[in-house]
Amino acid sequence: MLPGCEKPEVGIRKGEKLHEIMVTVEDPLTTYEYEKHFIVYPQMTWNNRQGVAPGGKKVPEGFSYSLDNNTWWLTVEEIRELLKEMK
């Protein structure tokens, strides 16, 4: 992220995931999409305080979300701006 910074290429590390499924095809029954994230709610309720956070939209049946079907990526500049906000 640092302009002009030299960084070594380390390659794939032992145990590193190359493909990750964040929302499986079994999860849409309890999955809601929000502006910048998804929430997969538990399939069982164990108290009366559980509920769906407002503002979410239920995902369609058969939906899944993984690295290979992601359509939104941060640019290097967007990442730099987010890092500045963390100072």
PDB file of N, CA and C in Angstrom:
ATOM      1  N   MET A   1       0.805  -1.196   0.000  1.00  0.00           N
ATOM      2  CA  MET A   1       0.000   0.000   0.000  1.00  0.00           C
ATOM      3  C   MET A   1       0.850   1.263   0.000  1.00  0.00           C
ATOM      4  N   LEU A   2       2.048   1.154   0.520  1.00  0.00           N
ATOM      5  CA  LEU A   2       2.923   2.312   0.584  1.00  0.00           C
ATOM      6  C   LEU A   2       3.580   2.532  -0.774  1.00  0.00           C
ATOM      7  N   PRO A   3       3.312   3.685  -1.404  1.00  0.00           N
ATOM      8  CA  PRO A   3       3.904   3.934  -2.723  1.00  0.00           C
ATOM      9  C   PRO A   3       5.430   3.824  -2.685  1.00  0.00           C
ATOM     10  N   GLY A   4       6.000   3.142  -3.663  1.00  0.00           N
ATOM     11  CA  GLY A   4       7.451   3.007  -3.768  1.00  0.00           C
ATOM     12  C   GLY A   4       8.063   2.007  -2.809  1.00  0.00           C
ATOM     13  N   CYS A   5       7.251   1.333  -2.030  1.00  0.00           N
ATOM     14  CA  CYS A   5       7.768   0.378  -1.050  1.00  0.00           C
ATOM     15  C   CYS A   5       8.136  -0.930  -1.738  1.00  0.00           C
ATOM     16  N   GLU A   6       9.297  -1.474  -1.431  1.00  0.00           N
ATOM     17  CA  GLU A   6       9.714  -2.767  -1.960  1.00  0.00           C
ATOM     18  C   GLU A   6       9.112  -3.858  -1.083  1.00  0.00           C
ATOM     19  N   LYS A   7       8.518  -4.862  -1.701  1.00  0.00           N
ATOM     20  CA  LYS A   7       7.946  -5.949  -0.918  1.00  0.00           C
ATOM     21  C   LYS A   7       8.252  -7.279  -1.599  1.00  0.00           C
ATOM     22  N   PRO A   8       8.669  -8.254  -0.826  1.00  0.00           N
ATOM     23  CA  PRO A   8       8.987  -9.555  -1.420  1.00  0.00           C
ATOM     24  C   PRO A   8       7.709 -10.319  -1.781  1.00  0.00           C
ATOM     25  N   GLU A   9       7.776 -11.107  -2.846  1.00  0.00           N
ATOM     26  CA  GLU A   9       6.653 -11.971  -3.203  1.00  0.00           C
ATOM     27  C   GLU A   9       6.817 -13.265  -2.430  1.00  0.00           C
ATOM     28  N   VAL A  10       5.825 -13.617  -1.628  1.00  0.00           N
ATOM     29  CA  VAL A  10       5.954 -14.798  -0.782  1.00  0.00           C
ATOM     30  C   VAL A  10       5.219 -16.005  -1.350  1.00  0.00           C
ATOM     31  N   GLY A  11       4.311 -15.801  -2.288  1.00  0.00           N
ATOM     32  CA  GLY A  11       3.578 -16.922  -2.872  1.00  0.00           C
ATOM     33  C   GLY A  11       2.526 -17.462  -1.934  1.00  0.00           C
ATOM     34  N   ILE A  12       2.036 -18.627  -2.239  1.00  0.00           N
ATOM     35  CA  ILE A  12       0.991 -19.246  -1.436  1.00  0.00           C
ATOM     36  C   ILE A  12       1.615 -19.851  -0.190  1.00  0.00           C
ATOM     37  N   ARG A  13       0.999 -19.562   0.938  1.00  0.00           N
ATOM     38  CA  ARG A  13       1.502 -20.092   2.199  1.00  0.00           C
ATOM     39  C   ARG A  13       0.793 -21.394   2.551  1.00  0.00           C
ATOM     40  N   LYS A  14       1.435 -22.214   3.338  1.00  0.00           N
ATOM     41  CA  LYS A  14       0.882 -23.499   3.751  1.00  0.00           C
ATOM     42  C   LYS A  14      -0.465 -23.265   4.447  1.00  0.00           C
ATOM     43  N   GLY A  15      -1.497 -23.965   3.984  1.00  0.00           N
ATOM     44  CA  GLY A  15      -2.822 -23.857   4.585  1.00  0.00           C
ATOM     45  C   GLY A  15      -3.649 -22.679   4.099  1.00  0.00           C
ATOM     46  N   GLU A  16      -3.088 -21.851   3.226  1.00  0.00           N
ATOM     47  CA  GLU A  16      -3.815 -20.688   2.733  1.00  0.00           C
ATOM     48  C   GLU A  16      -4.954 -21.112   1.819  1.00  0.00           C
ATOM     49  N   LYS A  17      -6.124 -20.497   2.017  1.00  0.00           N
ATOM     50  CA  LYS A  17      -7.279 -20.815   1.176  1.00  0.00           C
ATOM     51  C   LYS A  17      -7.192 -20.045  -0.133  1.00  0.00           C
ATOM     52  N   LEU A  18      -7.424 -20.739  -1.226  1.00  0.00           N
ATOM     53  CA  LEU A  18      -7.454 -20.084  -2.528  1.00  0.00           C
ATOM     54  C   LEU A  18      -8.883 -19.778  -2.942  1.00  0.00           C
ATOM     55  N   HIS A  19      -9.839 -20.485  -2.360  1.00  0.00           N
ATOM     56  CA  HIS A  19     -11.236 -20.294  -2.687  1.00  0.00           C
ATOM     57  C   HIS A  19     -12.031 -20.441  -1.398  1.00  0.00           C
ATOM     58  N   GLU A  20     -12.869 -19.450  -1.090  1.00  0.00           N
ATOM     59  CA  GLU A  20     -13.636 -19.511   0.141  1.00  0.00           C
ATOM     60  C   GLU A  20     -15.087 -19.180  -0.150  1.00  0.00           C
ATOM     61  N   ILE A  21     -15.994 -19.980   0.381  1.00  0.00           N
ATOM     62  CA  ILE A  21     -17.426 -19.724   0.234  1.00  0.00           C
ATOM     63  C   ILE A  21     -17.908 -19.092   1.532  1.00  0.00           C
ATOM     64  N   MET A  22     -18.387 -17.842   1.426  1.00  0.00           N
ATOM     65  CA  MET A  22     -18.853 -17.136   2.617  1.00  0.00           C
ATOM     66  C   MET A  22     -20.322 -17.437   2.912  1.00  0.00           C
ATOM     67  N   VAL A  23     -21.143 -17.585   1.871  1.00  0.00           N
ATOM     68  CA  VAL A  23     -22.553 -17.954   2.029  1.00  0.00           C
ATOM     69  C   VAL A  23     -22.794 -19.166   1.128  1.00  0.00           C
ATOM     70  N   THR A  24     -23.101 -20.302   1.724  1.00  0.00           N
ATOM     71  CA  THR A  24     -23.302 -21.520   0.944  1.00  0.00           C
ATOM     72  C   THR A  24     -24.711 -21.559   0.357  1.00  0.00           C
ATOM     73  N   VAL A  25     -24.956 -22.457  -0.585  1.00  0.00           N
ATOM     74  CA  VAL A  25     -26.286 -22.579  -1.195  1.00  0.00           C
ATOM     75  C   VAL A  25     -27.326 -23.089  -0.189  1.00  0.00           C
ATOM     76  N   GLU A  26     -26.891 -23.609   0.942  1.00  0.00           N
ATOM     77  CA  GLU A  26     -27.822 -24.038   1.988  1.00  0.00           C
ATOM     78  C   GLU A  26     -28.243 -22.884   2.896  1.00  0.00           C
ATOM     79  N   ASP A  27     -27.562 -21.754   2.830  1.00  0.00           N
ATOM     80  CA  ASP A  27     -27.800 -20.634   3.745  1.00  0.00           C
ATOM     81  C   ASP A  27     -28.900 -19.634   3.372  1.00  0.00           C
ATOM     82  N   PRO A  28     -29.402 -19.556   2.138  1.00  0.00           N
ATOM     83  CA  PRO A  28     -30.360 -18.499   1.795  1.00  0.00           C
ATOM     84  C   PRO A  28     -31.630 -18.430   2.631  1.00  0.00           C
ATOM     85  N   LEU A  29     -32.029 -19.529   3.263  1.00  0.00           N
ATOM     86  CA  LEU A  29     -33.232 -19.488   4.092  1.00  0.00           C
ATOM     87  C   LEU A  29     -33.128 -18.448   5.201  1.00  0.00           C
ATOM     88  N   THR A  30     -31.918 -18.204   5.672  1.00  0.00           N
ATOM     89  CA  THR A  30     -31.728 -17.280   6.798  1.00  0.00           C
ATOM     90  C   THR A  30     -30.721 -16.175   6.485  1.00  0.00           C
ATOM     91  N   THR A  31     -30.470 -15.900   5.207  1.00  0.00           N
ATOM     92  CA  THR A  31     -29.467 -14.904   4.824  1.00  0.00           C
ATOM     93  C   THR A  31     -30.129 -13.636   4.298  1.00  0.00           C
ATOM     94  N   TYR A  32     -29.639 -12.492   4.774  1.00  0.00           N
ATOM     95  CA  TYR A  32     -30.135 -11.192   4.343  1.00  0.00           C
ATOM     96  C   TYR A  32     -28.970 -10.356   3.833  1.00  0.00           C
ATOM     97  N   GLU A  33     -29.230  -9.605   2.784  1.00  0.00           N
ATOM     98  CA  GLU A  33     -28.215  -8.722   2.197  1.00  0.00           C
ATOM     99  C   GLU A  33     -28.460  -7.300   2.682  1.00  0.00           C
ATOM    100  N   TYR A  34     -27.387  -6.663   3.117  1.00  0.00           N
ATOM    101  CA  TYR A  34     -27.416  -5.267   3.545  1.00  0.00           C
ATOM    102  C   TYR A  34     -26.543  -4.472   2.585  1.00  0.00           C
ATOM    103  N   GLU A  35     -26.447  -3.174   2.777  1.00  0.00           N
ATOM    104  CA  GLU A  35     -25.724  -2.327   1.827  1.00  0.00           C
ATOM    105  C   GLU A  35     -24.298  -2.797   1.563  1.00  0.00           C
ATOM    106  N   LYS A  36     -23.577  -3.165   2.620  1.00  0.00           N
ATOM    107  CA  LYS A  36     -22.171  -3.533   2.442  1.00  0.00           C
ATOM    108  C   LYS A  36     -21.816  -4.901   3.010  1.00  0.00           C
ATOM    109  N   HIS A  37     -22.807  -5.697   3.374  1.00  0.00           N
ATOM    110  CA  HIS A  37     -22.511  -6.994   3.960  1.00  0.00           C
ATOM    111  C   HIS A  37     -23.729  -7.916   3.908  1.00  0.00           C
ATOM    112  N   PHE A  38     -23.503  -9.169   4.262  1.00  0.00           N
ATOM    113  CA  PHE A  38     -24.562 -10.159   4.405  1.00  0.00           C
ATOM    114  C   PHE A  38     -24.584 -10.606   5.862  1.00  0.00           C
ATOM    115  N   ILE A  39     -25.761 -11.013   6.327  1.00  0.00           N
ATOM    116  CA  ILE A  39     -25.854 -11.651   7.637  1.00  0.00           C
ATOM    117  C   ILE A  39     -26.562 -12.986   7.441  1.00  0.00           C
ATOM    118  N   VAL A  40     -25.899 -14.054   7.904  1.00  0.00           N
ATOM    119  CA  VAL A  40     -26.508 -15.381   7.904  1.00  0.00           C
ATOM    120  C   VAL A  40     -26.966 -15.617   9.339  1.00  0.00           C
ATOM    121  N   TYR A  41     -28.279 -15.550   9.539  1.00  0.00           N
ATOM    122  CA  TYR A  41     -28.840 -15.712  10.878  1.00  0.00           C
ATOM    123  C   TYR A  41     -28.929 -17.191  11.231  1.00  0.00           C
ATOM    124  N   PRO A  42     -28.945 -17.511  12.523  1.00  0.00           N
ATOM    125  CA  PRO A  42     -29.078 -18.911  12.939  1.00  0.00           C
ATOM    126  C   PRO A  42     -30.411 -19.480  12.465  1.00  0.00           C
ATOM    127  N   GLN A  43     -30.443 -20.772  12.198  1.00  0.00           N
ATOM    128  CA  GLN A  43     -31.691 -21.412  11.773  1.00  0.00           C
ATOM    129  C   GLN A  43     -32.590 -21.740  12.956  1.00  0.00           C
ATOM    130  N   MET A  44     -32.025 -21.740  14.139  1.00  0.00           N
ATOM    131  CA  MET A  44     -32.806 -22.013  15.351  1.00  0.00           C
ATOM    132  C   MET A  44     -32.817 -20.770  16.224  1.00  0.00           C
ATOM    133  N   THR A  45     -33.926 -20.509  16.883  1.00  0.00           N
ATOM    134  CA  THR A  45     -33.977 -19.398  17.835  1.00  0.00           C
ATOM    135  C   THR A  45     -33.937 -19.966  19.244  1.00  0.00           C
ATOM    136  N   TRP A  46     -33.218 -19.309  20.118  1.00  0.00           N
ATOM    137  CA  TRP A  46     -33.112 -19.797  21.485  1.00  0.00           C
ATOM    138  C   TRP A  46     -33.489 -18.729  22.509  1.00  0.00           C
ATOM    139  N   ASN A  47     -33.867 -17.550  22.028  1.00  0.00           N
ATOM    140  CA  ASN A  47     -34.390 -16.541  22.952  1.00  0.00           C
ATOM    141  C   ASN A  47     -35.324 -15.610  22.178  1.00  0.00           C
ATOM    142  N   ASN A  48     -36.061 -14.782  22.873  1.00  0.00           N
ATOM    143  CA  ASN A  48     -37.029 -13.907  22.214  1.00  0.00           C
ATOM    144  C   ASN A  48     -36.419 -12.590  21.740  1.00  0.00           C
ATOM    145  N   ARG A  49     -35.122 -12.423  21.892  1.00  0.00           N
ATOM    146  CA  ARG A  49     -34.463 -11.187  21.451  1.00  0.00           C
ATOM    147  C   ARG A  49     -33.890 -11.301  20.047  1.00  0.00           C
ATOM    148  N   GLN A  50     -33.877 -12.498  19.503  1.00  0.00           N
ATOM    149  CA  GLN A  50     -33.336 -12.676  18.162  1.00  0.00           C
ATOM    150  C   GLN A  50     -34.298 -12.104  17.141  1.00  0.00           C
ATOM    151  N   GLY A  51     -33.749 -11.498  16.122  1.00  0.00           N
ATOM    152  CA  GLY A  51     -34.567 -10.960  15.052  1.00  0.00           C
ATOM    153  C   GLY A  51     -33.670 -10.486  13.925  1.00  0.00           C
ATOM    154  N   VAL A  52     -34.288 -10.139  12.835  1.00  0.00           N
ATOM    155  CA  VAL A  52     -33.550  -9.667  11.665  1.00  0.00           C
ATOM    156  C   VAL A  52     -33.316  -8.168  11.808  1.00  0.00           C
ATOM    157  N   ALA A  53     -32.081  -7.730  11.611  1.00  0.00           N
ATOM    158  CA  ALA A  53     -31.743  -6.307  11.679  1.00  0.00           C
ATOM    159  C   ALA A  53     -32.470  -5.562  10.562  1.00  0.00           C
ATOM    160  N   PRO A  54     -32.985  -4.368  10.845  1.00  0.00           N
ATOM    161  CA  PRO A  54     -33.708  -3.610   9.818  1.00  0.00           C
ATOM    162  C   PRO A  54     -32.811  -3.228   8.644  1.00  0.00           C
ATOM    163  N   GLY A  55     -33.413  -3.092   7.475  1.00  0.00           N
ATOM    164  CA  GLY A  55     -32.692  -2.635   6.291  1.00  0.00           C
ATOM    165  C   GLY A  55     -32.179  -3.732   5.389  1.00  0.00           C
ATOM    166  N   GLY A  56     -32.355  -4.983   5.788  1.00  0.00           N
ATOM    167  CA  GLY A  56     -31.862  -6.094   4.988  1.00  0.00           C
ATOM    168  C   GLY A  56     -32.895  -6.605   4.001  1.00  0.00           C
ATOM    169  N   LYS A  57     -32.398  -7.254   2.956  1.00  0.00           N
ATOM    170  CA  LYS A  57     -33.260  -7.859   1.943  1.00  0.00           C
ATOM    171  C   LYS A  57     -32.916  -9.340   1.871  1.00  0.00           C
ATOM    172  N   LYS A  58     -33.932 -10.189   2.000  1.00  0.00           N
ATOM    173  CA  LYS A  58     -33.703 -11.631   1.954  1.00  0.00           C
ATOM    174  C   LYS A  58     -33.124 -12.012   0.590  1.00  0.00           C
ATOM    175  N   VAL A  59     -32.106 -12.856   0.591  1.00  0.00           N
ATOM    176  CA  VAL A  59     -31.496 -13.289  -0.667  1.00  0.00           C
ATOM    177  C   VAL A  59     -32.373 -14.364  -1.303  1.00  0.00           C
ATOM    178  N   PRO A  60     -32.318 -14.512  -2.633  1.00  0.00           N
ATOM    179  CA  PRO A  60     -33.159 -15.512  -3.305  1.00  0.00           C
ATOM    180  C   PRO A  60     -32.677 -16.944  -3.055  1.00  0.00           C
ATOM    181  N   GLU A  61     -33.590 -17.881  -3.216  1.00  0.00           N
ATOM    182  CA  GLU A  61     -33.248 -19.301  -3.096  1.00  0.00           C
ATOM    183  C   GLU A  61     -32.153 -19.647  -4.103  1.00  0.00           C
ATOM    184  N   GLY A  62     -31.200 -20.476  -3.697  1.00  0.00           N
ATOM    185  CA  GLY A  62     -30.100 -20.864  -4.579  1.00  0.00           C
ATOM    186  C   GLY A  62     -28.928 -19.891  -4.559  1.00  0.00           C
ATOM    187  N   PHE A  63     -29.041 -18.785  -3.826  1.00  0.00           N
ATOM    188  CA  PHE A  63     -27.976 -17.781  -3.733  1.00  0.00           C
ATOM    189  C   PHE A  63     -26.762 -18.364  -3.018  1.00  0.00           C
ATOM    190  N   SER A  64     -25.588 -17.973  -3.455  1.00  0.00           N
ATOM    191  CA  SER A  64     -24.353 -18.262  -2.722  1.00  0.00           C
ATOM    192  C   SER A  64     -23.399 -17.098  -2.961  1.00  0.00           C
ATOM    193  N   TYR A  65     -22.456 -16.933  -2.067  1.00  0.00           N
ATOM    194  CA  TYR A  65     -21.493 -15.847  -2.204  1.00  0.00           C
ATOM    195  C   TYR A  65     -20.109 -16.394  -1.921  1.00  0.00           C
ATOM    196  N   SER A  66     -19.225 -16.241  -2.891  1.00  0.00           N
ATOM    197  CA  SER A  66     -17.860 -16.709  -2.735  1.00  0.00           C
ATOM    198  C   SER A  66     -16.926 -15.786  -3.500  1.00  0.00           C
ATOM    199  N   LEU A  67     -15.663 -16.009  -3.324  1.00  0.00           N
ATOM    200  CA  LEU A  67     -14.658 -15.172  -3.972  1.00  0.00           C
ATOM    201  C   LEU A  67     -14.833 -15.130  -5.486  1.00  0.00           C
ATOM    202  N   ASP A  68     -15.200 -16.256  -6.088  1.00  0.00           N
ATOM    203  CA  ASP A  68     -15.288 -16.285  -7.548  1.00  0.00           C
ATOM    204  C   ASP A  68     -16.539 -15.611  -8.117  1.00  0.00           C
ATOM    205  N   ASN A  69     -17.551 -15.290  -7.279  1.00  0.00           N
ATOM    206  CA  ASN A  69     -18.695 -14.559  -7.818  1.00  0.00           C
ATOM    207  C   ASN A  69     -18.861 -13.169  -7.212  1.00  0.00           C
ATOM    208  N   ASN A  70     -17.830 -12.696  -6.539  1.00  0.00           N
ATOM    209  CA  ASN A  70     -17.827 -11.332  -6.008  1.00  0.00           C
ATOM    210  C   ASN A  70     -17.677 -10.342  -7.165  1.00  0.00           C
ATOM    211  N   THR A  71     -18.502  -9.289  -7.153  1.00  0.00           N
ATOM    212  CA  THR A  71     -18.435  -8.286  -8.228  1.00  0.00           C
ATOM    213  C   THR A  71     -17.936  -6.936  -7.741  1.00  0.00           C
ATOM    214  N   TRP A  72     -17.693  -6.798  -6.447  1.00  0.00           N
ATOM    215  CA  TRP A  72     -17.270  -5.503  -5.904  1.00  0.00           C
ATOM    216  C   TRP A  72     -15.908  -5.655  -5.237  1.00  0.00           C
ATOM    217  N   TRP A  73     -14.934  -4.920  -5.739  1.00  0.00           N
ATOM    218  CA  TRP A  73     -13.574  -4.963  -5.205  1.00  0.00           C
ATOM    219  C   TRP A  73     -13.132  -3.547  -4.868  1.00  0.00           C
ATOM    220  N   LEU A  74     -12.425  -3.395  -3.761  1.00  0.00           N
ATOM    221  CA  LEU A  74     -11.849  -2.098  -3.412  1.00  0.00           C
ATOM    222  C   LEU A  74     -10.651  -1.822  -4.302  1.00  0.00           C
ATOM    223  N   THR A  75     -10.509  -0.562  -4.697  1.00  0.00           N
ATOM    224  CA  THR A  75      -9.312  -0.162  -5.430  1.00  0.00           C
ATOM    225  C   THR A  75      -8.204   0.105  -4.417  1.00  0.00           C
ATOM    226  N   VAL A  76      -6.981   0.210  -4.893  1.00  0.00           N
ATOM    227  CA  VAL A  76      -5.855   0.525  -4.012  1.00  0.00           C
ATOM    228  C   VAL A  76      -6.111   1.868  -3.324  1.00  0.00           C
ATOM    229  N   GLU A  77      -6.629   2.839  -4.061  1.00  0.00           N
ATOM    230  CA  GLU A  77      -6.905   4.153  -3.481  1.00  0.00           C
ATOM    231  C   GLU A  77      -7.977   4.070  -2.397  1.00  0.00           C
ATOM    232  N   GLU A  78      -9.013   3.266  -2.609  1.00  0.00           N
ATOM    233  CA  GLU A  78     -10.057   3.105  -1.587  1.00  0.00           C
ATOM    234  C   GLU A  78      -9.481   2.478  -0.319  1.00  0.00           C
ATOM    235  N   ILE A  79      -8.590   1.510  -0.483  1.00  0.00           N
ATOM    236  CA  ILE A  79      -7.952   0.887   0.679  1.00  0.00           C
ATOM    237  C   ILE A  79      -7.086   1.901   1.416  1.00  0.00           C
ATOM    238  N   ARG A  80      -6.349   2.716   0.680  1.00  0.00           N
ATOM    239  CA  ARG A  80      -5.521   3.747   1.322  1.00  0.00           C
ATOM    240  C   ARG A  80      -6.385   4.706   2.123  1.00  0.00           C
ATOM    241  N   GLU A  81      -7.527   5.119   1.566  1.00  0.00           N
ATOM    242  CA  GLU A  81      -8.425   6.035   2.274  1.00  0.00           C
ATOM    243  C   GLU A  81      -8.972   5.394   3.561  1.00  0.00           C
ATOM    244  N   LEU A  82      -9.345   4.124   3.488  1.00  0.00           N
ATOM    245  CA  LEU A  82      -9.825   3.432   4.674  1.00  0.00           C
ATOM    246  C   LEU A  82      -8.736   3.344   5.739  1.00  0.00           C
ATOM    247  N   LEU A  83      -7.501   3.104   5.322  1.00  0.00           N
ATOM    248  CA  LEU A  83      -6.392   3.022   6.279  1.00  0.00           C
ATOM    249  C   LEU A  83      -6.128   4.372   6.939  1.00  0.00           C
ATOM    250  N   LYS A  84      -6.283   5.457   6.181  1.00  0.00           N
ATOM    251  CA  LYS A  84      -6.114   6.801   6.765  1.00  0.00           C
ATOM    252  C   LYS A  84      -7.135   7.060   7.855  1.00  0.00           C
ATOM    253  N   GLU A  85      -8.362   6.563   7.663  1.00  0.00           N
ATOM    254  CA  GLU A  85      -9.427   6.760   8.639  1.00  0.00           C
ATOM    255  C   GLU A  85      -9.153   6.020   9.931  1.00  0.00           C
ATOM    256  N   MET A  86      -8.296   5.002   9.895  1.00  0.00           N
ATOM    257  CA  MET A  86      -8.013   4.181  11.076  1.00  0.00           C
ATOM    258  C   MET A  86      -6.987   4.831  12.000  1.00  0.00           C
ATOM    259  N   LYS A  87      -6.308   5.871  11.549  1.00  0.00           N
ATOM    260  CA  LYS A  87      -5.259   6.497  12.365  1.00  0.00           C
ATOM    261  C   LYS A  87      -5.826   7.135  13.603  1.00  0.00           C
TER     262      LYS A  87
END
